[in-house]
N, C-alpha and C. Protein backbone atom coordinates (compact mmCIF):
# COMPACT_ATOMS: atom_id res chain seq x y z
N MET A 1 -2.62 19.01 -5.48
CA MET A 1 -2.95 19.20 -4.10
C MET A 1 -1.65 19.22 -3.31
N GLN A 2 -1.18 20.36 -2.94
CA GLN A 2 0.06 20.52 -2.21
C GLN A 2 -0.18 20.27 -0.72
N LEU A 3 0.58 19.35 -0.14
CA LEU A 3 0.47 19.07 1.28
C LEU A 3 1.38 20.04 2.02
N LEU A 4 0.81 20.81 2.92
CA LEU A 4 1.58 21.77 3.68
C LEU A 4 2.21 21.12 4.90
N PRO A 5 3.38 21.59 5.30
CA PRO A 5 4.06 20.97 6.43
C PRO A 5 3.32 21.14 7.76
N ASP A 6 2.46 22.14 7.86
CA ASP A 6 1.80 22.39 9.13
C ASP A 6 0.49 21.62 9.30
N ILE A 7 0.10 20.81 8.33
CA ILE A 7 -1.10 19.99 8.45
C ILE A 7 -0.77 18.81 9.37
N THR A 8 -1.71 18.44 10.23
CA THR A 8 -1.43 17.35 11.16
C THR A 8 -1.64 16.00 10.48
N VAL A 9 -1.04 15.00 11.07
CA VAL A 9 -1.20 13.64 10.57
C VAL A 9 -2.68 13.26 10.61
N ASP A 10 -3.37 13.58 11.69
CA ASP A 10 -4.79 13.23 11.82
C ASP A 10 -5.64 13.89 10.73
N GLU A 11 -5.36 15.17 10.43
CA GLU A 11 -6.13 15.86 9.39
C GLU A 11 -5.90 15.21 8.02
N ARG A 12 -4.67 14.93 7.72
CA ARG A 12 -4.33 14.32 6.43
C ARG A 12 -4.90 12.91 6.35
N TYR A 13 -4.82 12.16 7.44
CA TYR A 13 -5.37 10.80 7.49
C TYR A 13 -6.87 10.83 7.21
N ARG A 14 -7.59 11.69 7.89
CA ARG A 14 -9.05 11.77 7.69
C ARG A 14 -9.40 12.14 6.25
N LYS A 15 -8.63 13.04 5.66
CA LYS A 15 -8.89 13.45 4.29
C LYS A 15 -8.64 12.31 3.30
N LEU A 16 -7.64 11.50 3.56
CA LEU A 16 -7.25 10.43 2.63
C LEU A 16 -7.85 9.07 2.97
N GLN A 17 -8.56 8.96 4.09
CA GLN A 17 -9.10 7.67 4.51
C GLN A 17 -10.00 7.02 3.45
N PRO A 18 -10.93 7.74 2.81
CA PRO A 18 -11.76 7.08 1.79
C PRO A 18 -10.92 6.49 0.65
N LEU A 19 -9.96 7.24 0.15
CA LEU A 19 -9.09 6.74 -0.92
C LEU A 19 -8.23 5.59 -0.41
N GLY A 20 -7.66 5.74 0.76
CA GLY A 20 -6.82 4.69 1.33
C GLY A 20 -7.59 3.39 1.51
N THR A 21 -8.83 3.50 1.93
CA THR A 21 -9.68 2.31 2.09
C THR A 21 -9.93 1.66 0.73
N GLN A 22 -10.16 2.47 -0.30
CA GLN A 22 -10.34 1.94 -1.66
C GLN A 22 -9.08 1.22 -2.15
N VAL A 23 -7.93 1.79 -1.89
CA VAL A 23 -6.66 1.18 -2.31
C VAL A 23 -6.49 -0.18 -1.64
N CYS A 24 -6.71 -0.24 -0.34
CA CYS A 24 -6.58 -1.51 0.39
C CYS A 24 -7.60 -2.53 -0.10
N SER A 25 -8.82 -2.10 -0.34
CA SER A 25 -9.85 -3.02 -0.86
C SER A 25 -9.46 -3.58 -2.22
N ALA A 26 -8.90 -2.73 -3.09
CA ALA A 26 -8.48 -3.19 -4.41
C ALA A 26 -7.36 -4.22 -4.30
N MET A 27 -6.43 -4.01 -3.38
CA MET A 27 -5.34 -4.97 -3.19
C MET A 27 -5.89 -6.29 -2.64
N ASN A 28 -6.78 -6.22 -1.67
CA ASN A 28 -7.39 -7.44 -1.10
C ASN A 28 -8.18 -8.21 -2.16
N GLU A 29 -8.96 -7.49 -2.96
CA GLU A 29 -9.77 -8.13 -3.99
C GLU A 29 -8.88 -8.83 -5.02
N TYR A 30 -7.80 -8.17 -5.43
CA TYR A 30 -6.89 -8.78 -6.39
C TYR A 30 -6.35 -10.10 -5.85
N MET A 31 -5.95 -10.11 -4.59
CA MET A 31 -5.39 -11.33 -4.00
C MET A 31 -6.45 -12.42 -3.88
N ARG A 32 -7.69 -12.06 -3.58
CA ARG A 32 -8.77 -13.07 -3.55
C ARG A 32 -8.98 -13.66 -4.94
N ASN A 33 -8.95 -12.82 -5.96
CA ASN A 33 -9.19 -13.27 -7.33
C ASN A 33 -8.06 -14.13 -7.89
N ILE A 34 -6.84 -13.92 -7.40
CA ILE A 34 -5.71 -14.71 -7.90
C ILE A 34 -5.78 -16.14 -7.34
N GLY A 35 -6.46 -16.31 -6.21
CA GLY A 35 -6.72 -17.65 -5.69
C GLY A 35 -5.65 -18.26 -4.81
N THR A 36 -4.89 -17.44 -4.09
CA THR A 36 -3.88 -18.01 -3.19
C THR A 36 -4.56 -18.58 -1.95
N ASN A 37 -3.84 -19.42 -1.24
CA ASN A 37 -4.34 -19.97 0.01
C ASN A 37 -4.23 -18.96 1.15
N LYS A 38 -3.36 -17.99 0.97
CA LYS A 38 -3.13 -17.00 2.02
C LYS A 38 -4.21 -15.92 1.95
N ILE A 39 -4.82 -15.64 3.07
CA ILE A 39 -5.81 -14.58 3.14
C ILE A 39 -5.09 -13.27 3.44
N VAL A 40 -5.23 -12.32 2.54
CA VAL A 40 -4.63 -11.00 2.73
C VAL A 40 -5.77 -10.06 3.09
N ASN A 41 -5.65 -9.41 4.23
CA ASN A 41 -6.68 -8.49 4.70
C ASN A 41 -6.03 -7.18 5.12
N ILE A 42 -5.67 -6.39 4.12
CA ILE A 42 -4.98 -5.13 4.35
C ILE A 42 -6.01 -4.09 4.75
N LYS A 43 -5.78 -3.40 5.86
CA LYS A 43 -6.70 -2.37 6.34
C LYS A 43 -5.95 -1.05 6.48
N PHE A 44 -6.53 -0.01 5.90
CA PHE A 44 -5.92 1.32 5.93
C PHE A 44 -5.67 1.77 7.37
N GLU A 45 -6.62 1.50 8.24
CA GLU A 45 -6.53 1.98 9.62
C GLU A 45 -5.51 1.23 10.46
N ASP A 46 -4.99 0.11 9.95
CA ASP A 46 -4.02 -0.66 10.72
C ASP A 46 -2.58 -0.16 10.56
N ALA A 47 -2.35 0.74 9.64
CA ALA A 47 -0.99 1.27 9.44
C ALA A 47 -0.70 2.35 10.47
N GLU A 48 0.58 2.58 10.72
CA GLU A 48 1.04 3.69 11.57
C GLU A 48 1.48 4.81 10.64
N TYR A 49 0.96 6.03 10.87
CA TYR A 49 1.15 7.13 9.93
C TYR A 49 2.01 8.25 10.49
N LYS A 50 2.69 8.91 9.55
CA LYS A 50 3.45 10.12 9.86
C LYS A 50 3.54 10.96 8.59
N ILE A 51 3.87 12.23 8.75
CA ILE A 51 4.10 13.10 7.59
C ILE A 51 5.61 13.19 7.40
N GLU A 52 6.02 13.04 6.15
CA GLU A 52 7.44 13.02 5.83
C GLU A 52 7.70 13.87 4.59
N LYS A 53 8.80 14.58 4.60
CA LYS A 53 9.18 15.40 3.45
C LYS A 53 9.84 14.53 2.40
N ASP A 54 9.39 14.68 1.15
CA ASP A 54 9.96 13.96 0.02
C ASP A 54 11.27 14.65 -0.36
N SER A 55 12.37 13.94 -0.28
CA SER A 55 13.67 14.55 -0.55
C SER A 55 13.84 14.95 -2.01
N PHE A 56 13.09 14.34 -2.92
CA PHE A 56 13.20 14.66 -4.33
C PHE A 56 12.37 15.89 -4.68
N SER A 57 11.06 15.87 -4.35
CA SER A 57 10.17 16.96 -4.76
C SER A 57 10.10 18.10 -3.75
N GLY A 58 10.43 17.82 -2.50
CA GLY A 58 10.30 18.83 -1.45
C GLY A 58 8.90 18.90 -0.88
N ASP A 59 7.94 18.17 -1.46
CA ASP A 59 6.57 18.13 -0.95
C ASP A 59 6.51 17.26 0.30
N TYR A 60 5.41 17.42 1.01
CA TYR A 60 5.18 16.60 2.19
C TYR A 60 4.18 15.49 1.85
N ALA A 61 4.45 14.30 2.35
CA ALA A 61 3.63 13.12 2.04
C ALA A 61 3.15 12.48 3.33
N LEU A 62 2.01 11.81 3.24
CA LEU A 62 1.53 10.99 4.35
C LEU A 62 2.06 9.58 4.11
N LEU A 63 2.82 9.07 5.05
CA LEU A 63 3.43 7.75 4.93
C LEU A 63 2.87 6.84 6.02
N GLY A 64 2.35 5.69 5.58
CA GLY A 64 1.85 4.70 6.53
C GLY A 64 2.66 3.42 6.40
N LYS A 65 2.87 2.75 7.52
CA LYS A 65 3.60 1.48 7.52
C LYS A 65 2.79 0.44 8.29
N TRP A 66 2.69 -0.75 7.68
CA TRP A 66 2.03 -1.87 8.33
C TRP A 66 3.10 -2.78 8.93
N TYR A 67 2.81 -3.27 10.13
CA TYR A 67 3.73 -4.17 10.81
C TYR A 67 3.02 -5.48 11.13
N ALA A 68 3.75 -6.58 11.02
CA ALA A 68 3.23 -7.89 11.40
C ALA A 68 3.20 -7.98 12.92
N SER A 69 2.59 -9.02 13.44
CA SER A 69 2.48 -9.17 14.89
C SER A 69 3.84 -9.26 15.57
N ASN A 70 4.86 -9.67 14.84
CA ASN A 70 6.21 -9.73 15.39
C ASN A 70 6.97 -8.41 15.25
N LYS A 71 6.27 -7.35 14.88
CA LYS A 71 6.80 -5.98 14.74
C LYS A 71 7.72 -5.80 13.54
N LEU A 72 7.72 -6.76 12.61
CA LEU A 72 8.49 -6.60 11.38
C LEU A 72 7.64 -5.86 10.35
N LEU A 73 8.28 -4.97 9.60
CA LEU A 73 7.60 -4.21 8.56
C LEU A 73 7.08 -5.17 7.49
N CYS A 74 5.79 -5.05 7.14
CA CYS A 74 5.23 -5.94 6.11
C CYS A 74 4.55 -5.16 4.98
N GLY A 75 4.55 -3.83 5.04
CA GLY A 75 3.96 -3.06 3.96
C GLY A 75 4.01 -1.57 4.23
N SER A 76 3.73 -0.80 3.18
CA SER A 76 3.71 0.65 3.32
C SER A 76 2.77 1.27 2.29
N ILE A 77 2.33 2.46 2.60
CA ILE A 77 1.50 3.24 1.68
C ILE A 77 1.92 4.70 1.81
N VAL A 78 2.06 5.37 0.68
CA VAL A 78 2.46 6.78 0.71
C VAL A 78 1.56 7.57 -0.22
N PHE A 79 1.09 8.71 0.28
CA PHE A 79 0.30 9.66 -0.51
C PHE A 79 1.14 10.90 -0.69
N HIS A 80 1.57 11.13 -1.92
CA HIS A 80 2.45 12.26 -2.23
C HIS A 80 1.64 13.56 -2.32
N GLY A 81 2.35 14.65 -2.19
CA GLY A 81 1.73 15.97 -2.25
C GLY A 81 1.09 16.29 -3.60
N ASP A 82 1.52 15.60 -4.67
CA ASP A 82 0.95 15.86 -6.00
C ASP A 82 -0.30 15.04 -6.29
N GLY A 83 -0.78 14.26 -5.29
CA GLY A 83 -2.00 13.48 -5.48
C GLY A 83 -1.77 12.03 -5.86
N THR A 84 -0.52 11.65 -6.12
CA THR A 84 -0.23 10.27 -6.46
C THR A 84 -0.02 9.46 -5.18
N PHE A 85 -0.14 8.15 -5.32
CA PHE A 85 0.08 7.27 -4.18
C PHE A 85 0.75 5.98 -4.65
N PHE A 86 1.34 5.28 -3.70
CA PHE A 86 1.94 3.98 -3.95
C PHE A 86 1.81 3.15 -2.68
N ALA A 87 1.43 1.88 -2.83
CA ALA A 87 1.33 0.98 -1.68
C ALA A 87 1.91 -0.37 -2.06
N GLU A 88 2.48 -1.04 -1.08
CA GLU A 88 2.93 -2.41 -1.27
C GLU A 88 2.76 -3.16 0.04
N TYR A 89 2.47 -4.45 -0.11
CA TYR A 89 2.22 -5.29 1.06
C TYR A 89 2.79 -6.67 0.77
N ASP A 90 3.58 -7.19 1.71
CA ASP A 90 4.21 -8.51 1.53
C ASP A 90 3.16 -9.61 1.50
N VAL A 91 3.30 -10.52 0.56
CA VAL A 91 2.40 -11.67 0.45
C VAL A 91 3.16 -12.95 0.81
N ILE A 92 4.33 -13.15 0.20
CA ILE A 92 5.19 -14.30 0.46
C ILE A 92 4.40 -15.61 0.33
N GLU A 93 4.04 -15.95 -0.90
CA GLU A 93 3.19 -17.11 -1.15
C GLU A 93 3.50 -17.68 -2.53
N ASN A 94 3.47 -18.98 -2.65
CA ASN A 94 3.61 -19.61 -3.97
C ASN A 94 2.41 -19.23 -4.83
N HIS A 95 2.64 -19.03 -6.11
CA HIS A 95 1.53 -18.74 -7.02
C HIS A 95 0.67 -19.99 -7.13
N PRO A 96 -0.64 -19.87 -7.02
CA PRO A 96 -1.50 -21.06 -7.02
C PRO A 96 -1.57 -21.78 -8.37
N LYS A 97 -1.30 -21.10 -9.47
CA LYS A 97 -1.44 -21.71 -10.79
C LYS A 97 -0.10 -21.94 -11.48
N TYR A 98 0.83 -21.06 -11.27
CA TYR A 98 2.12 -21.12 -11.97
C TYR A 98 3.21 -21.44 -10.95
N LYS A 99 3.56 -22.70 -10.86
CA LYS A 99 4.46 -23.19 -9.81
C LYS A 99 5.87 -22.61 -9.91
N GLN A 100 6.22 -22.05 -11.06
CA GLN A 100 7.56 -21.47 -11.20
C GLN A 100 7.65 -20.06 -10.60
N TRP A 101 6.51 -19.52 -10.14
CA TRP A 101 6.48 -18.16 -9.62
C TRP A 101 6.10 -18.14 -8.14
N PHE A 102 6.67 -17.18 -7.47
CA PHE A 102 6.45 -16.92 -6.06
C PHE A 102 5.91 -15.50 -5.97
N ILE A 103 4.82 -15.26 -5.25
CA ILE A 103 4.27 -13.91 -5.11
C ILE A 103 4.96 -13.25 -3.92
N GLU A 104 5.80 -12.28 -4.22
CA GLU A 104 6.53 -11.57 -3.16
C GLU A 104 5.63 -10.55 -2.47
N ALA A 105 4.89 -9.76 -3.27
CA ALA A 105 4.09 -8.68 -2.70
C ALA A 105 2.97 -8.30 -3.66
N ILE A 106 2.04 -7.53 -3.15
CA ILE A 106 0.99 -6.92 -3.97
C ILE A 106 1.24 -5.41 -3.92
N THR A 107 1.14 -4.75 -5.06
CA THR A 107 1.39 -3.31 -5.13
C THR A 107 0.19 -2.59 -5.73
N ALA A 108 0.05 -1.33 -5.36
CA ALA A 108 -0.99 -0.47 -5.93
C ALA A 108 -0.40 0.91 -6.11
N TRP A 109 -0.86 1.59 -7.15
CA TRP A 109 -0.40 2.96 -7.40
C TRP A 109 -1.47 3.69 -8.20
N GLY A 110 -1.35 4.98 -8.25
CA GLY A 110 -2.29 5.77 -9.04
C GLY A 110 -2.36 7.20 -8.59
N ARG A 111 -3.45 7.82 -8.98
CA ARG A 111 -3.72 9.22 -8.64
C ARG A 111 -5.22 9.32 -8.40
N ASP A 112 -5.57 9.96 -7.31
CA ASP A 112 -6.98 10.14 -6.94
C ASP A 112 -7.66 8.77 -6.91
N ASP A 113 -8.78 8.59 -7.60
CA ASP A 113 -9.47 7.30 -7.53
C ASP A 113 -9.12 6.38 -8.70
N SER A 114 -8.07 6.67 -9.43
CA SER A 114 -7.56 5.78 -10.47
C SER A 114 -6.53 4.86 -9.81
N ILE A 115 -6.95 3.62 -9.55
CA ILE A 115 -6.12 2.68 -8.79
C ILE A 115 -5.70 1.51 -9.69
N LYS A 116 -4.43 1.27 -9.76
CA LYS A 116 -3.86 0.14 -10.49
C LYS A 116 -3.26 -0.82 -9.47
N VAL A 117 -3.46 -2.13 -9.68
CA VAL A 117 -2.96 -3.13 -8.74
C VAL A 117 -2.28 -4.25 -9.52
N GLU A 118 -1.16 -4.74 -8.99
CA GLU A 118 -0.52 -5.91 -9.59
C GLU A 118 0.36 -6.59 -8.55
N PRO A 119 0.56 -7.89 -8.73
CA PRO A 119 1.48 -8.59 -7.84
C PRO A 119 2.92 -8.40 -8.30
N ARG A 120 3.84 -8.62 -7.40
CA ARG A 120 5.27 -8.63 -7.74
C ARG A 120 5.74 -10.08 -7.58
N PHE A 121 6.22 -10.66 -8.67
CA PHE A 121 6.63 -12.06 -8.70
C PHE A 121 8.14 -12.21 -8.62
N ILE A 122 8.55 -13.35 -8.10
CA ILE A 122 9.94 -13.78 -8.13
C ILE A 122 9.94 -15.18 -8.71
N GLU A 123 10.86 -15.45 -9.63
CA GLU A 123 10.95 -16.79 -10.18
C GLU A 123 11.56 -17.73 -9.16
N ARG A 124 10.90 -18.87 -8.98
CA ARG A 124 11.42 -19.87 -8.04
C ARG A 124 12.57 -20.61 -8.70
N LEU A 125 13.54 -20.96 -7.92
CA LEU A 125 14.71 -21.70 -8.43
C LEU A 125 14.49 -23.18 -8.34
């Protein structure tokens, strides 16, 4: 699915909203299942979107960024022109079961409705 440069952000957003909502739900569910004290409630519609050209492939992608209430970037989601996507969202929380690990972020990637989700850990010192 080649994204054309003349497609509007709104058109691309509406087309990808069902998938984007699934991606966010999968990330939220994973965090609930891991059992952290922090409630993660990632919503597709809360990101700010724009269309951006991929410098590597030359395709156009829909890029969304989530910001915290203090206007700091806390996550992003990108839908590439080839149908793949990648999302990450800051968690910044101690792992509830493994005290030597810190959960930095939750990530998701895939193509179409094939969604993979995993946390990104940092070893605590």
